[in-house]
Amino acid sequence: MTQLVQVRHYLTMKIGFIVFLITYASSSFAAQNPWSKDATLPGKMKCFIKHNKKICLSSGNRKNILNRNDMDEAIKNGSTHALSYPVTVSELQVPFKAVMAYFNSDTNSPIRRYIYKITQGASGLKDIDQIYKWVGLHKYPKQKQKASPNIIYNLHKFDHERMGATITETDKGAKQLTFSCAACHSSDLFGVKVLGMSNRFPRANEFFYYGKKLLALTSTAVFKGILNPSKEEIQIYKKSKNAIRYINLKKPKALGLDTSLAQVGLSLAKRADDKYASRKVWNSIFPRKNKLSKRPADSKPAVWWNLKYKTKWLSDGSVRSGNPVFTNFLWNEIGRGTDLRKLETWLDENQDIVDDLTSYVFNTEPPKYNDFFPNEIDIAKAKRGQTTFRKNCISCHGDYEKGWELNSSEDYIQKIKTTKTWYHTRTVTIDVGTDPYRYEGMEYFYKDLNKLQISKSSGAVVTPQKGYVPPPLVGVWARWPYFHNNSAPTLYDVLTPDYKRPKKYYAFEAIDKDKDFDKVKNGYPTKKNDRKYLFDTTRSGLSNVGHTFMLIDENGQEKFSHNQKIEIIEFLKTL
């Protein structure tokens, strides 16, 4: 009996030790896996209690998230992939020669009138460059720009097009056009081209919206008859017509927003309910019902330079694990009607492309205020703004140490420099009462995403959240208009209770830094413009409510004075 007890004791200890090893190995793997839901930011950690919640911030970032030794080469390659879309199995392409034939036709021809009717006036565009401009693509800089923080590599290879236009050739030499990441994630900031910054006026969704209408109403026979394409171009056209069956799109509610989220959800509803979202004609004709067909979920394209501070992805933090660049390729191709079995093979064979683009986007940096407005920051005001910020804002948006805290004798540039950024050790999602339509939208198709084989094999898991990620504020000065739906035209409005914010405003391009930018309130100046740039916050999904309870005191009075807001803004300009 005693021996039996000893044997049991021995086995219990043995099993316990094995369990310990497995648990340790699992936790170690989770810690080493940068895409795990348990991933954390590196560096020192500081924790404090705010509103009865424990807040932990870390001083590091994950700029080199893949721990590469060849970072310079990876960044060059990644820049190229950001500008020239690399996915070769994408079937939704525009036959380029046919587009040029259209522009070479008589402006009063039946072709022009036909396309004008379908696209509501797009045939008024005179050449391919005007299409690029309408889509929102920016011209390449003619040379390297000092104020542009992120490398634009292979500049002269692409500069005959615009940033985001991708023209490739088939095996038989036929040219085809599509758009890359830069179509939505590059900007023209007072003449400086910034790759990795939100495009203020992207129209890629609208381009695909009108393209779908055109493809659906134009038979292959008509395409042959009016544009005289080659056999290879006819094949490009047929592939696009087939892919478009499995795509459903919506126009954005306002210029400056995109409907990518809805495009993915609605397009999945037009496919079979299996692990490859198989393309079956029956499903394309009779799609599953999805609330996104009627409910808006619009948002602005995100900046890339914040990714290094995050452990969860998208504006709502709903992508809780998995590489966001890999996930973006998947979602992008769902929105282009691609066969996911072919995409899976492409992704398996081109991991180096995914890794290079990942390295690039995690290394991007924001444009600096001082590069555009040299020596204009009032450091005394900025210091007071930092004090107010620390009392009210760091539990959501993190803390930022400045050069002026280290040595008062340093010169101006060193004083305004951010020496350390503290952000959430694990990315948090917080509901501060802002418009809920975008984060609610994920609820309507996340199960379809999670069951995909590509999602499972890559470790991507989507979990709907209530609220949004309070973003790190590096480069926030350049990110106007504000909130995920662009509903606040200036930083001053973000710091003002929602009931005092403007209901409508006019947006416009950031061309002239003296006329197109309010340096005091940081954002759009008050001036009327073309009606197509009118933003109306009374429309569904465009509300400017929220971010208010922290701006009023216990008596319901506004917490910050005008001068305090200006001082906070002066501090934020230094980030």
Protein backbone atom coordinates (compact mmCIF):
# COMPACT_ATOMS: atom_id res chain seq x y z
CA MET A 1 0.00 0.00 0.00
CA THR A 2 2.84 2.37 0.89
CA GLN A 3 4.60 1.54 -2.37
CA LEU A 4 1.39 2.31 -4.28
CA VAL A 5 1.16 5.72 -2.58
CA GLN A 6 4.81 6.39 -3.46
CA VAL A 7 4.19 5.44 -7.08
CA ARG A 8 1.16 7.73 -7.24
CA HIS A 9 3.17 10.54 -5.64
CA TYR A 10 5.98 10.03 -8.16
CA LEU A 11 3.56 10.01 -11.11
CA THR A 12 1.79 13.13 -9.81
CA MET A 13 5.11 14.97 -9.56
CA LYS A 14 6.15 13.74 -13.00
CA ILE A 15 2.90 14.80 -14.61
CA GLY A 16 3.04 18.14 -12.80
CA PHE A 17 6.57 18.74 -14.07
CA ILE A 18 5.51 17.90 -17.64
CA VAL A 19 2.53 20.26 -17.36
CA PHE A 20 4.89 22.95 -16.04
CA LEU A 21 7.22 22.46 -19.01
CA ILE A 22 4.35 22.61 -21.50
CA THR A 23 2.93 25.70 -19.83
CA TYR A 24 6.33 27.37 -19.74
CA ALA A 25 7.03 26.47 -23.35
CA SER A 26 3.61 27.77 -24.39
CA SER A 27 4.01 31.03 -22.49
CA SER A 28 7.52 31.45 -23.89
CA PHE A 29 6.24 30.88 -27.41
CA ALA A 30 3.45 33.41 -26.81
CA ALA A 31 5.99 35.91 -25.58
CA GLN A 32 8.22 35.31 -28.62
CA ASN A 33 5.36 35.37 -31.13
CA PRO A 34 4.84 39.06 -32.02
CA TRP A 35 1.36 38.33 -33.39
CA SER A 36 0.03 36.53 -30.32
CA LYS A 37 -2.96 37.93 -28.42
CA ASP A 38 -0.65 37.85 -25.38
CA ALA A 39 2.06 40.00 -27.01
CA THR A 40 3.26 43.08 -25.13
CA LEU A 41 5.36 46.14 -25.88
CA PRO A 42 8.99 45.90 -24.78
CA GLY A 43 10.87 48.29 -22.53
CA LYS A 44 10.32 49.51 -19.01
CA MET A 45 6.82 49.40 -17.54
CA LYS A 46 5.00 51.79 -15.26
CA CYS A 47 1.53 51.16 -13.84
CA PHE A 48 -0.98 53.37 -12.04
CA ILE A 49 -4.66 53.39 -11.08
CA LYS A 50 -7.01 55.69 -12.98
CA HIS A 51 -10.81 55.61 -12.72
CA ASN A 52 -10.49 52.44 -10.63
CA LYS A 53 -8.62 50.69 -13.44
CA LYS A 54 -4.99 49.59 -13.58
CA ILE A 55 -3.16 51.25 -16.48
CA CYS A 56 0.22 49.89 -17.59
CA LEU A 57 2.41 51.74 -20.08
CA SER A 58 5.66 50.55 -21.69
CA SER A 59 8.54 52.66 -22.91
CA GLY A 60 9.49 50.58 -25.97
CA ASN A 61 8.08 49.88 -29.39
CA ARG A 62 8.19 47.09 -31.95
CA LYS A 63 9.81 48.92 -34.82
CA ASN A 64 11.81 45.83 -35.77
CA ILE A 65 8.97 43.46 -34.99
CA LEU A 66 10.49 40.60 -37.05
CA ASN A 67 13.96 41.01 -35.49
CA ARG A 68 15.63 41.41 -38.86
CA ASN A 69 19.31 42.06 -39.42
CA ASP A 70 18.79 43.24 -43.01
CA MET A 71 16.45 46.10 -42.14
CA ASP A 72 17.75 48.56 -44.76
CA GLU A 73 17.12 46.09 -47.57
CA ALA A 74 13.72 45.12 -46.12
CA ILE A 75 12.64 48.77 -45.98
CA LYS A 76 13.65 49.36 -49.60
CA ASN A 77 11.71 46.30 -50.74
CA GLY A 78 8.76 47.14 -48.51
CA SER A 79 8.54 50.64 -49.92
CA THR A 80 8.39 49.19 -53.44
CA HIS A 81 5.57 46.80 -52.47
CA ALA A 82 3.64 49.63 -50.82
CA LEU A 83 3.77 51.61 -54.06
CA SER A 84 3.38 48.76 -56.56
CA TYR A 85 0.81 46.14 -55.56
CA PRO A 86 2.58 42.76 -55.49
CA VAL A 87 -0.28 40.21 -55.40
CA THR A 88 -0.21 38.50 -58.80
CA VAL A 89 -3.33 36.31 -58.34
CA SER A 90 -5.64 39.32 -58.06
CA GLU A 91 -8.12 38.98 -60.93
CA LEU A 92 -9.81 42.37 -60.72
CA GLN A 93 -7.65 44.34 -63.17
CA VAL A 94 -8.28 47.08 -65.70
CA PRO A 95 -7.09 46.38 -69.29
CA PHE A 96 -4.79 49.36 -69.69
CA LYS A 97 -4.76 49.55 -73.48
CA ALA A 98 -8.56 49.63 -73.49
CA VAL A 99 -8.53 52.59 -71.10
CA MET A 100 -6.16 54.45 -73.42
CA ALA A 101 -8.38 53.58 -76.41
CA TYR A 102 -11.28 55.15 -74.56
CA PHE A 103 -9.36 58.38 -74.02
CA ASN A 104 -8.30 58.43 -77.66
CA SER A 105 -11.92 58.22 -78.81
CA ASP A 106 -14.06 61.20 -79.83
CA THR A 107 -15.48 63.02 -76.79
CA ASN A 108 -18.95 62.81 -78.40
CA SER A 109 -18.65 59.14 -79.29
CA PRO A 110 -21.18 56.48 -78.16
CA ILE A 111 -18.44 55.07 -75.87
CA ARG A 112 -18.19 58.33 -73.97
CA ARG A 113 -21.97 58.76 -73.68
CA TYR A 114 -22.40 55.16 -72.52
CA ILE A 115 -19.75 55.40 -69.81
CA TYR A 116 -20.93 58.87 -68.80
CA LYS A 117 -24.38 57.48 -68.06
CA ILE A 118 -23.06 54.56 -65.99
CA THR A 119 -20.42 56.44 -64.02
CA GLN A 120 -22.35 59.67 -63.44
CA GLY A 121 -19.94 61.93 -65.25
CA ALA A 122 -16.59 60.15 -64.90
CA SER A 123 -16.27 60.19 -68.69
CA GLY A 124 -15.62 63.92 -68.40
CA LEU A 125 -12.09 63.00 -67.34
CA LYS A 126 -9.73 63.68 -70.22
CA ASP A 127 -6.79 61.33 -69.63
CA ILE A 128 -5.43 58.62 -67.37
CA ASP A 129 -3.72 61.14 -65.10
CA GLN A 130 -7.09 62.76 -64.40
CA ILE A 131 -8.43 59.35 -63.37
CA TYR A 132 -5.49 58.99 -61.00
CA LYS A 133 -6.15 62.45 -59.61
CA TRP A 134 -9.88 61.70 -59.19
CA VAL A 135 -9.05 58.47 -57.32
CA GLY A 136 -6.91 60.62 -55.00
CA LEU A 137 -3.45 59.51 -56.09
CA HIS A 138 -0.58 61.94 -55.61
CA LYS A 139 2.26 62.69 -57.97
CA TYR A 140 5.63 61.29 -57.06
CA PRO A 141 8.16 63.83 -55.77
CA LYS A 142 10.76 64.69 -58.39
CA GLN A 143 13.53 64.13 -55.86
CA LYS A 144 14.03 63.08 -52.25
CA GLN A 145 12.25 65.46 -49.87
CA LYS A 146 13.87 66.31 -46.54
CA ALA A 147 10.55 66.74 -44.70
CA SER A 148 9.26 63.37 -45.92
CA PRO A 149 10.08 60.95 -43.05
CA ASN A 150 9.69 57.66 -44.94
CA ILE A 151 11.72 56.38 -47.85
CA ILE A 152 10.03 56.33 -51.26
CA TYR A 153 12.29 53.83 -52.97
CA ASN A 154 12.60 53.15 -56.72
CA LEU A 155 11.37 56.69 -57.25
CA HIS A 156 12.20 56.98 -60.93
CA LYS A 157 10.88 53.49 -61.74
CA PHE A 158 7.31 54.59 -61.01
CA ASP A 159 7.29 58.38 -61.26
CA HIS A 160 5.62 58.38 -64.69
CA GLU A 161 2.49 57.18 -62.84
CA ARG A 162 1.11 58.35 -59.50
CA MET A 163 1.61 56.94 -56.01
CA GLY A 164 -0.66 53.89 -55.73
CA ALA A 165 -1.14 53.18 -59.45
CA THR A 166 0.20 49.74 -60.35
CA ILE A 167 0.64 48.69 -63.98
CA THR A 168 1.84 45.15 -64.57
CA GLU A 169 2.18 42.93 -67.63
CA THR A 170 0.72 39.49 -68.20
CA ASP A 171 2.88 36.65 -69.51
CA LYS A 172 1.95 37.70 -73.03
CA GLY A 173 2.74 41.37 -72.52
CA ALA A 174 -0.72 42.86 -72.03
CA LYS A 175 -0.76 45.73 -69.53
CA GLN A 176 -3.22 45.79 -66.64
CA LEU A 177 -3.94 48.40 -63.96
CA THR A 178 -4.79 48.09 -60.29
CA PHE A 179 -4.11 50.06 -57.10
CA SER A 180 -1.68 49.49 -54.25
CA CYS A 181 -1.63 50.31 -50.52
CA ALA A 182 -0.35 53.81 -51.31
CA ALA A 183 -3.70 54.71 -52.89
CA CYS A 184 -5.16 55.07 -49.39
CA HIS A 185 -2.01 55.34 -47.28
CA SER A 186 -0.06 58.23 -48.80
CA SER A 187 -0.66 61.94 -48.60
CA ASP A 188 0.42 65.28 -50.00
CA LEU A 189 1.19 67.51 -47.03
CA PHE A 190 1.88 71.03 -48.29
CA GLY A 191 3.73 69.63 -51.30
CA VAL A 192 5.60 66.95 -49.34
CA LYS A 193 4.65 63.37 -50.21
CA VAL A 194 4.31 61.22 -47.08
CA LEU A 195 4.03 57.45 -47.55
CA GLY A 196 2.25 55.81 -44.60
CA MET A 197 -0.03 58.77 -43.93
CA SER A 198 -3.81 58.76 -44.43
CA ASN A 199 -4.95 59.94 -47.85
CA ARG A 200 -7.37 62.77 -47.05
CA PHE A 201 -9.53 62.12 -50.09
CA PRO A 202 -9.29 58.48 -51.24
CA ARG A 203 -11.71 57.33 -53.93
CA ALA A 204 -10.49 53.77 -54.48
CA ASN A 205 -13.79 52.40 -53.17
CA GLU A 206 -15.74 54.62 -55.54
CA PHE A 207 -13.52 53.55 -58.43
CA PHE A 208 -14.38 49.90 -57.77
CA TYR A 209 -18.03 50.84 -57.21
CA TYR A 210 -18.33 52.41 -60.66
CA GLY A 211 -16.15 49.69 -62.17
CA LYS A 212 -18.55 47.04 -60.92
CA LYS A 213 -21.49 48.85 -62.51
CA LEU A 214 -19.61 49.18 -65.78
CA LEU A 215 -18.54 45.53 -65.87
CA ALA A 216 -22.01 44.31 -64.94
CA LEU A 217 -23.69 46.33 -67.72
CA THR A 218 -21.08 45.76 -70.43
CA SER A 219 -20.88 42.33 -72.06
CA THR A 220 -17.64 40.93 -73.41
CA ALA A 221 -19.09 41.32 -76.92
CA VAL A 222 -19.68 45.02 -76.34
CA PHE A 223 -16.18 45.38 -74.91
CA LYS A 224 -14.77 43.77 -78.08
CA GLY A 225 -16.91 45.87 -80.38
CA ILE A 226 -16.19 49.32 -78.99
CA LEU A 227 -12.51 49.07 -77.94
CA ASN A 228 -11.02 46.44 -80.27
CA PRO A 229 -8.92 44.75 -77.53
CA SER A 230 -6.32 42.04 -78.02
CA LYS A 231 -7.05 38.41 -77.08
CA GLU A 232 -5.00 38.83 -73.88
CA GLU A 233 -6.96 41.94 -72.91
CA ILE A 234 -10.20 40.07 -73.48
CA GLN A 235 -8.97 37.46 -70.99
CA ILE A 236 -8.19 40.21 -68.45
CA TYR A 237 -11.68 41.57 -68.98
CA LYS A 238 -13.33 38.15 -68.58
CA LYS A 239 -11.42 37.50 -65.34
CA SER A 240 -12.52 40.85 -63.99
CA LYS A 241 -16.15 40.20 -64.93
CA ASN A 242 -15.99 36.87 -63.13
CA ALA A 243 -14.33 38.34 -60.02
CA ILE A 244 -16.80 41.20 -59.82
CA ARG A 245 -19.63 38.69 -59.29
CA TYR A 246 -18.26 38.03 -55.81
CA ILE A 247 -17.85 41.65 -54.79
CA ASN A 248 -20.37 43.93 -53.19
CA LEU A 249 -19.55 47.58 -52.62
CA LYS A 250 -20.92 50.77 -51.15
CA LYS A 251 -20.05 54.39 -51.81
CA PRO A 252 -18.61 56.21 -48.78
CA LYS A 253 -20.94 58.52 -46.87
CA ALA A 254 -18.50 61.41 -47.29
CA LEU A 255 -15.40 62.20 -49.29
CA GLY A 256 -12.41 61.36 -47.11
CA LEU A 257 -13.79 58.08 -45.77
CA ASP A 258 -13.65 54.58 -47.21
CA THR A 259 -15.98 51.60 -47.07
CA SER A 260 -13.39 48.82 -47.03
CA LEU A 261 -14.91 47.18 -43.97
CA ALA A 262 -18.34 46.90 -45.60
CA GLN A 263 -16.76 45.76 -48.88
CA VAL A 264 -15.14 42.77 -47.13
CA GLY A 265 -18.27 41.82 -45.17
CA LEU A 266 -20.67 42.16 -48.09
CA SER A 267 -18.31 40.37 -50.46
CA LEU A 268 -18.01 37.40 -48.10
CA ALA A 269 -21.81 37.23 -48.11
CA LYS A 270 -21.64 36.59 -51.86
CA ARG A 271 -19.47 33.50 -51.39
CA ALA A 272 -20.05 30.03 -50.01
CA ASP A 273 -20.08 29.63 -46.23
CA ASP A 274 -16.97 27.43 -46.06
CA LYS A 275 -13.32 27.71 -45.04
CA TYR A 276 -12.25 29.08 -48.42
CA ALA A 277 -15.28 31.30 -49.01
CA SER A 278 -15.59 29.43 -52.31
CA ARG A 279 -16.81 31.31 -55.34
CA LYS A 280 -20.10 29.72 -56.34
CA VAL A 281 -22.49 31.35 -58.78
CA TRP A 282 -25.52 30.52 -56.63
CA ASN A 283 -24.12 32.51 -53.72
CA SER A 284 -23.26 35.45 -55.95
CA ILE A 285 -26.86 35.61 -57.18
CA PHE A 286 -28.44 34.97 -53.77
CA PRO A 287 -26.03 36.42 -51.16
CA ARG A 288 -26.56 35.94 -47.45
CA LYS A 289 -28.18 38.88 -45.69
CA ASN A 290 -25.81 41.26 -43.97
CA LYS A 291 -26.70 44.42 -42.03
CA LEU A 292 -23.77 46.25 -43.62
CA SER A 293 -25.88 46.59 -46.78
CA LYS A 294 -27.89 49.26 -44.95
CA ARG A 295 -25.78 50.29 -41.97
CA PRO A 296 -22.70 52.50 -42.46
CA ALA A 297 -19.28 51.46 -41.14
CA ASP A 298 -17.14 54.09 -42.85
CA SER A 299 -13.76 55.16 -41.50
CA LYS A 300 -10.64 57.00 -42.60
CA PRO A 301 -7.51 55.10 -43.73
CA ALA A 302 -5.16 54.72 -40.76
CA VAL A 303 -1.60 56.03 -40.48
CA TRP A 304 1.10 53.37 -40.44
CA TRP A 305 3.54 54.89 -37.96
CA ASN A 306 1.34 53.98 -34.97
CA LEU A 307 1.56 50.24 -35.66
CA LYS A 308 4.87 49.89 -33.80
CA TYR A 309 3.12 50.85 -30.56
CA LYS A 310 0.21 48.42 -30.87
CA THR A 311 -0.47 44.77 -30.09
CA LYS A 312 -3.98 44.71 -31.59
CA TRP A 313 -5.05 46.13 -34.91
CA LEU A 314 -7.61 48.34 -36.67
CA SER A 315 -9.24 51.43 -35.16
CA ASP A 316 -11.30 49.22 -32.85
CA GLY A 317 -8.58 46.71 -31.91
CA SER A 318 -10.77 43.88 -33.18
CA VAL A 319 -7.88 42.02 -34.86
CA ARG A 320 -6.59 40.54 -31.61
CA SER A 321 -3.84 38.38 -33.11
CA GLY A 322 -2.10 37.87 -36.42
CA ASN A 323 0.08 40.02 -38.67
CA PRO A 324 -2.01 43.06 -39.78
CA VAL A 325 -0.18 43.23 -43.14
CA PHE A 326 -0.93 39.57 -43.89
CA THR A 327 -4.55 40.17 -42.80
CA ASN A 328 -4.75 43.24 -45.02
CA PHE A 329 -3.70 41.22 -48.07
CA LEU A 330 -6.43 38.68 -47.28
CA TRP A 331 -9.18 41.24 -46.73
CA ASN A 332 -8.08 43.27 -49.72
CA GLU A 333 -8.34 40.25 -52.00
CA ILE A 334 -11.74 39.27 -50.61
CA GLY A 335 -12.80 42.77 -51.61
CA ARG A 336 -11.41 42.13 -55.11
CA GLY A 337 -13.18 38.80 -55.60
CA THR A 338 -10.03 36.65 -55.61
CA ASP A 339 -10.05 32.85 -55.34
CA LEU A 340 -8.75 32.28 -51.79
CA ARG A 341 -7.13 28.95 -52.65
CA LYS A 342 -4.94 30.75 -55.17
CA LEU A 343 -4.28 33.51 -52.65
CA GLU A 344 -3.26 30.95 -50.03
CA THR A 345 -0.67 29.51 -52.43
CA TRP A 346 0.60 32.99 -53.31
CA LEU A 347 0.96 33.95 -49.64
CA ASP A 348 2.81 30.70 -48.87
CA GLU A 349 5.22 31.29 -51.75
CA ASN A 350 5.75 35.00 -51.08
CA GLN A 351 6.29 35.27 -47.35
CA ASP A 352 9.31 37.48 -48.07
CA ILE A 353 7.02 40.09 -49.62
CA VAL A 354 4.72 40.04 -46.59
CA ASP A 355 7.75 40.33 -44.28
CA ASP A 356 9.34 43.19 -46.22
CA LEU A 357 6.12 45.20 -46.32
CA THR A 358 5.59 44.49 -42.61
CA SER A 359 9.08 45.75 -41.82
CA TYR A 360 8.42 48.89 -43.82
CA VAL A 361 5.07 49.87 -42.31
CA PHE A 362 6.32 49.23 -38.75
CA ASN A 363 9.30 51.49 -39.45
CA THR A 364 7.40 54.47 -40.81
CA GLU A 365 7.60 57.75 -38.89
CA PRO A 366 5.32 60.81 -38.76
CA PRO A 367 6.09 64.16 -40.40
CA LYS A 368 7.46 66.72 -37.94
CA TYR A 369 5.72 70.04 -37.34
CA ASN A 370 9.03 71.84 -37.16
CA ASP A 371 9.97 70.70 -40.68
CA PHE A 372 7.00 72.66 -42.03
CA PHE A 373 6.89 75.51 -39.52
CA PRO A 374 10.49 75.95 -38.31
CA ASN A 375 11.06 77.45 -34.85
CA GLU A 376 7.40 78.40 -34.43
CA ILE A 377 6.54 76.26 -31.40
CA ASP A 378 6.20 78.30 -28.20
CA ILE A 379 8.07 76.04 -25.76
CA ALA A 380 6.73 77.79 -22.67
CA LYS A 381 3.16 77.15 -23.87
CA ALA A 382 4.03 73.57 -24.83
CA LYS A 383 5.40 72.89 -21.33
CA ARG A 384 2.17 74.12 -19.74
CA GLY A 385 0.24 72.00 -22.23
CA GLN A 386 2.27 68.95 -21.26
CA THR A 387 1.37 69.48 -17.60
CA THR A 388 -2.34 69.69 -18.40
CA PHE A 389 -2.07 66.71 -20.74
CA ARG A 390 -0.46 64.57 -18.07
CA LYS A 391 -3.19 65.38 -15.59
CA ASN A 392 -5.99 64.44 -17.98
CA CYS A 393 -4.95 62.36 -20.99
CA ILE A 394 -2.14 59.86 -20.39
CA SER A 395 -4.34 57.01 -19.15
CA CYS A 396 -5.77 56.75 -22.69
CA HIS A 397 -3.18 58.22 -25.04
CA GLY A 398 0.10 57.46 -23.26
CA ASP A 399 2.88 59.69 -21.96
CA TYR A 400 5.62 61.52 -23.86
CA GLU A 401 8.92 62.62 -22.37
CA LYS A 402 10.50 65.71 -23.91
CA GLY A 403 14.00 67.03 -24.36
CA TRP A 404 13.17 70.11 -22.32
CA GLU A 405 12.81 67.85 -19.27
CA LEU A 406 16.37 66.59 -19.56
CA ASN A 407 18.52 69.67 -20.00
CA SER A 408 17.29 73.25 -20.12
CA SER A 409 20.44 74.37 -21.91
CA GLU A 410 19.83 72.26 -25.03
CA ASP A 411 19.02 74.02 -28.28
CA TYR A 412 15.49 74.39 -29.70
CA ILE A 413 15.48 71.13 -31.72
CA GLN A 414 16.65 69.08 -28.75
CA LYS A 415 14.13 70.73 -26.45
CA ILE A 416 11.09 69.85 -28.59
CA LYS A 417 12.32 66.32 -29.31
CA THR A 418 10.30 63.41 -27.88
CA THR A 419 12.88 61.35 -26.02
CA LYS A 420 10.58 58.52 -24.93
CA THR A 421 7.06 57.39 -25.81
CA TRP A 422 5.08 55.44 -23.20
CA TYR A 423 2.05 53.59 -24.54
CA HIS A 424 -0.19 50.75 -23.36
CA THR A 425 1.74 47.55 -22.69
CA ARG A 426 -1.19 45.78 -24.32
CA THR A 427 -3.42 47.74 -26.66
CA VAL A 428 -6.72 48.73 -25.06
CA THR A 429 -10.12 49.52 -26.52
CA ILE A 430 -12.18 52.20 -24.79
CA ASP A 431 -15.72 53.43 -25.41
CA VAL A 432 -15.72 57.21 -25.01
CA GLY A 433 -19.09 57.67 -26.65
CA THR A 434 -17.93 58.35 -30.21
CA ASP A 435 -20.01 57.23 -33.19
CA PRO A 436 -20.43 53.45 -32.77
CA TYR A 437 -21.26 52.40 -36.34
CA ARG A 438 -17.69 51.52 -37.32
CA TYR A 439 -16.92 49.19 -34.39
CA GLU A 440 -20.42 47.69 -34.53
CA GLY A 441 -19.81 46.83 -38.18
CA MET A 442 -17.28 44.15 -37.29
CA GLU A 443 -20.01 42.21 -35.51
CA TYR A 444 -21.70 41.45 -38.83
CA PHE A 445 -18.98 39.35 -40.46
CA TYR A 446 -16.20 38.46 -38.02
CA LYS A 447 -17.36 34.83 -37.81
CA ASP A 448 -16.99 34.51 -41.58
CA LEU A 449 -13.41 35.79 -41.30
CA ASN A 450 -12.40 33.56 -38.40
CA LYS A 451 -13.53 30.36 -40.11
CA LEU A 452 -11.35 30.98 -43.18
CA GLN A 453 -8.45 28.56 -43.52
CA ILE A 454 -6.04 31.43 -44.25
CA SER A 455 -7.07 33.16 -41.03
CA LYS A 456 -6.56 29.99 -39.02
CA SER A 457 -3.20 29.10 -40.53
CA SER A 458 -1.89 32.65 -39.98
CA GLY A 459 -3.22 32.90 -36.43
CA ALA A 460 -5.50 35.84 -37.25
CA VAL A 461 -8.43 36.14 -34.84
CA VAL A 462 -11.10 38.84 -34.99
CA THR A 463 -13.16 39.68 -31.91
CA PRO A 464 -15.65 42.59 -32.05
CA GLN A 465 -14.97 45.33 -29.51
CA LYS A 466 -17.06 48.04 -27.90
CA GLY A 467 -15.28 51.28 -28.59
CA TYR A 468 -12.04 52.27 -30.29
CA VAL A 469 -8.31 52.20 -29.60
CA PRO A 470 -7.18 55.57 -28.17
CA PRO A 471 -4.29 56.09 -30.59
CA PRO A 472 -0.73 57.11 -29.76
CA LEU A 473 -0.45 60.82 -30.54
CA VAL A 474 2.85 60.88 -32.43
CA GLY A 475 2.34 62.98 -35.54
CA VAL A 476 -1.19 63.89 -34.44
CA TRP A 477 -0.76 67.46 -35.67
CA ALA A 478 -0.74 66.21 -39.29
CA ARG A 479 -3.73 63.89 -38.97
CA TRP A 480 -6.60 66.37 -39.25
CA PRO A 481 -9.59 65.94 -39.50
CA TYR A 482 -10.01 63.85 -36.34
CA PHE A 483 -11.82 60.80 -34.97
CA HIS A 484 -12.13 57.59 -36.95
CA ASN A 485 -14.88 59.16 -39.11
CA ASN A 486 -13.27 62.60 -39.69
CA SER A 487 -16.07 64.35 -37.75
CA ALA A 488 -13.86 66.88 -35.90
CA PRO A 489 -12.12 69.38 -38.22
CA THR A 490 -9.48 70.54 -35.69
CA LEU A 491 -7.68 69.43 -32.54
CA TYR A 492 -9.39 72.34 -30.79
CA ASP A 493 -12.74 70.67 -31.53
CA VAL A 494 -11.46 67.35 -30.13
CA LEU A 495 -10.71 69.19 -26.88
CA THR A 496 -14.15 70.82 -26.88
CA PRO A 497 -17.33 69.05 -25.63
CA ASP A 498 -19.33 67.55 -28.48
CA TYR A 499 -22.31 69.87 -27.98
CA LYS A 500 -20.07 72.81 -28.94
CA ARG A 501 -18.46 71.23 -31.99
CA PRO A 502 -19.43 72.41 -35.50
CA LYS A 503 -22.17 70.35 -37.12
CA LYS A 504 -20.83 71.00 -40.61
CA TYR A 505 -17.52 72.01 -42.09
CA TYR A 506 -15.73 72.16 -45.46
CA ALA A 507 -12.65 70.06 -46.10
CA PHE A 508 -9.97 70.79 -48.71
CA GLU A 509 -6.51 69.75 -49.80
CA ALA A 510 -3.46 70.70 -47.73
CA ILE A 511 -1.73 72.70 -50.46
CA ASP A 512 -0.83 76.08 -48.95
CA LYS A 513 0.42 75.83 -45.37
CA ASP A 514 -0.60 79.42 -44.67
CA LYS A 515 -4.09 79.30 -46.19
CA ASP A 516 -5.15 75.66 -45.83
CA PHE A 517 -4.16 75.08 -42.21
CA ASP A 518 -5.22 76.73 -38.96
CA LYS A 519 -2.02 76.70 -36.90
CA VAL A 520 -3.76 77.84 -33.72
CA LYS A 521 -6.57 75.28 -33.62
CA ASN A 522 -4.60 72.75 -35.70
CA GLY A 523 -6.82 71.66 -38.55
CA TYR A 524 -9.10 73.06 -41.21
CA PRO A 525 -9.58 76.84 -41.14
CA THR A 526 -13.13 78.10 -41.45
CA LYS A 527 -13.80 78.78 -45.12
CA LYS A 528 -16.35 77.60 -47.64
CA ASN A 529 -15.39 75.44 -50.53
CA ASP A 530 -16.79 73.10 -53.16
CA ARG A 531 -19.96 71.41 -51.88
CA LYS A 532 -18.53 67.94 -52.56
CA TYR A 533 -16.13 68.63 -49.68
CA LEU A 534 -18.94 69.42 -47.22
CA PHE A 535 -18.90 67.19 -44.15
CA ASP A 536 -22.25 66.93 -42.36
CA THR A 537 -22.04 65.33 -38.90
CA THR A 538 -25.83 65.00 -38.66
CA ARG A 539 -25.76 62.12 -41.13
CA SER A 540 -25.79 58.51 -39.96
CA GLY A 541 -22.29 57.23 -39.24
CA LEU A 542 -20.75 60.72 -39.36
CA SER A 543 -21.68 61.88 -35.86
CA ASN A 544 -19.17 64.01 -33.92
CA VAL A 545 -20.43 62.98 -30.46
CA GLY A 546 -18.25 61.51 -27.75
CA HIS A 547 -14.86 62.19 -26.15
CA THR A 548 -16.73 64.58 -23.86
CA PHE A 549 -17.00 63.19 -20.34
CA MET A 550 -13.28 63.79 -19.77
CA LEU A 551 -13.68 67.40 -20.95
CA ILE A 552 -16.21 68.44 -18.32
CA ASP A 553 -15.89 68.64 -14.53
CA GLU A 554 -18.11 67.21 -11.81
CA ASN A 555 -20.41 70.23 -12.14
CA GLY A 556 -20.92 69.68 -15.85
CA GLN A 557 -18.82 72.69 -16.78
CA GLU A 558 -16.20 72.72 -19.50
CA LYS A 559 -12.88 71.72 -17.96
CA PHE A 560 -10.39 73.41 -20.28
CA SER A 561 -10.26 77.14 -20.94
CA HIS A 562 -9.46 78.49 -24.39
CA ASN A 563 -5.87 79.14 -23.35
CA GLN A 564 -5.46 75.62 -21.93
CA LYS A 565 -6.66 74.08 -25.19
CA ILE A 566 -4.16 76.17 -27.14
CA GLU A 567 -1.39 75.07 -24.76
CA ILE A 568 -2.28 71.38 -25.11
CA ILE A 569 -2.27 71.77 -28.89
CA GLU A 570 1.13 73.48 -28.71
CA PHE A 571 2.43 70.43 -26.82
CA LEU A 572 0.86 67.98 -29.28
CA LYS A 573 2.60 69.75 -32.16
CA THR A 574 5.91 68.59 -30.71
CA LEU A 575 5.02 64.88 -30.85
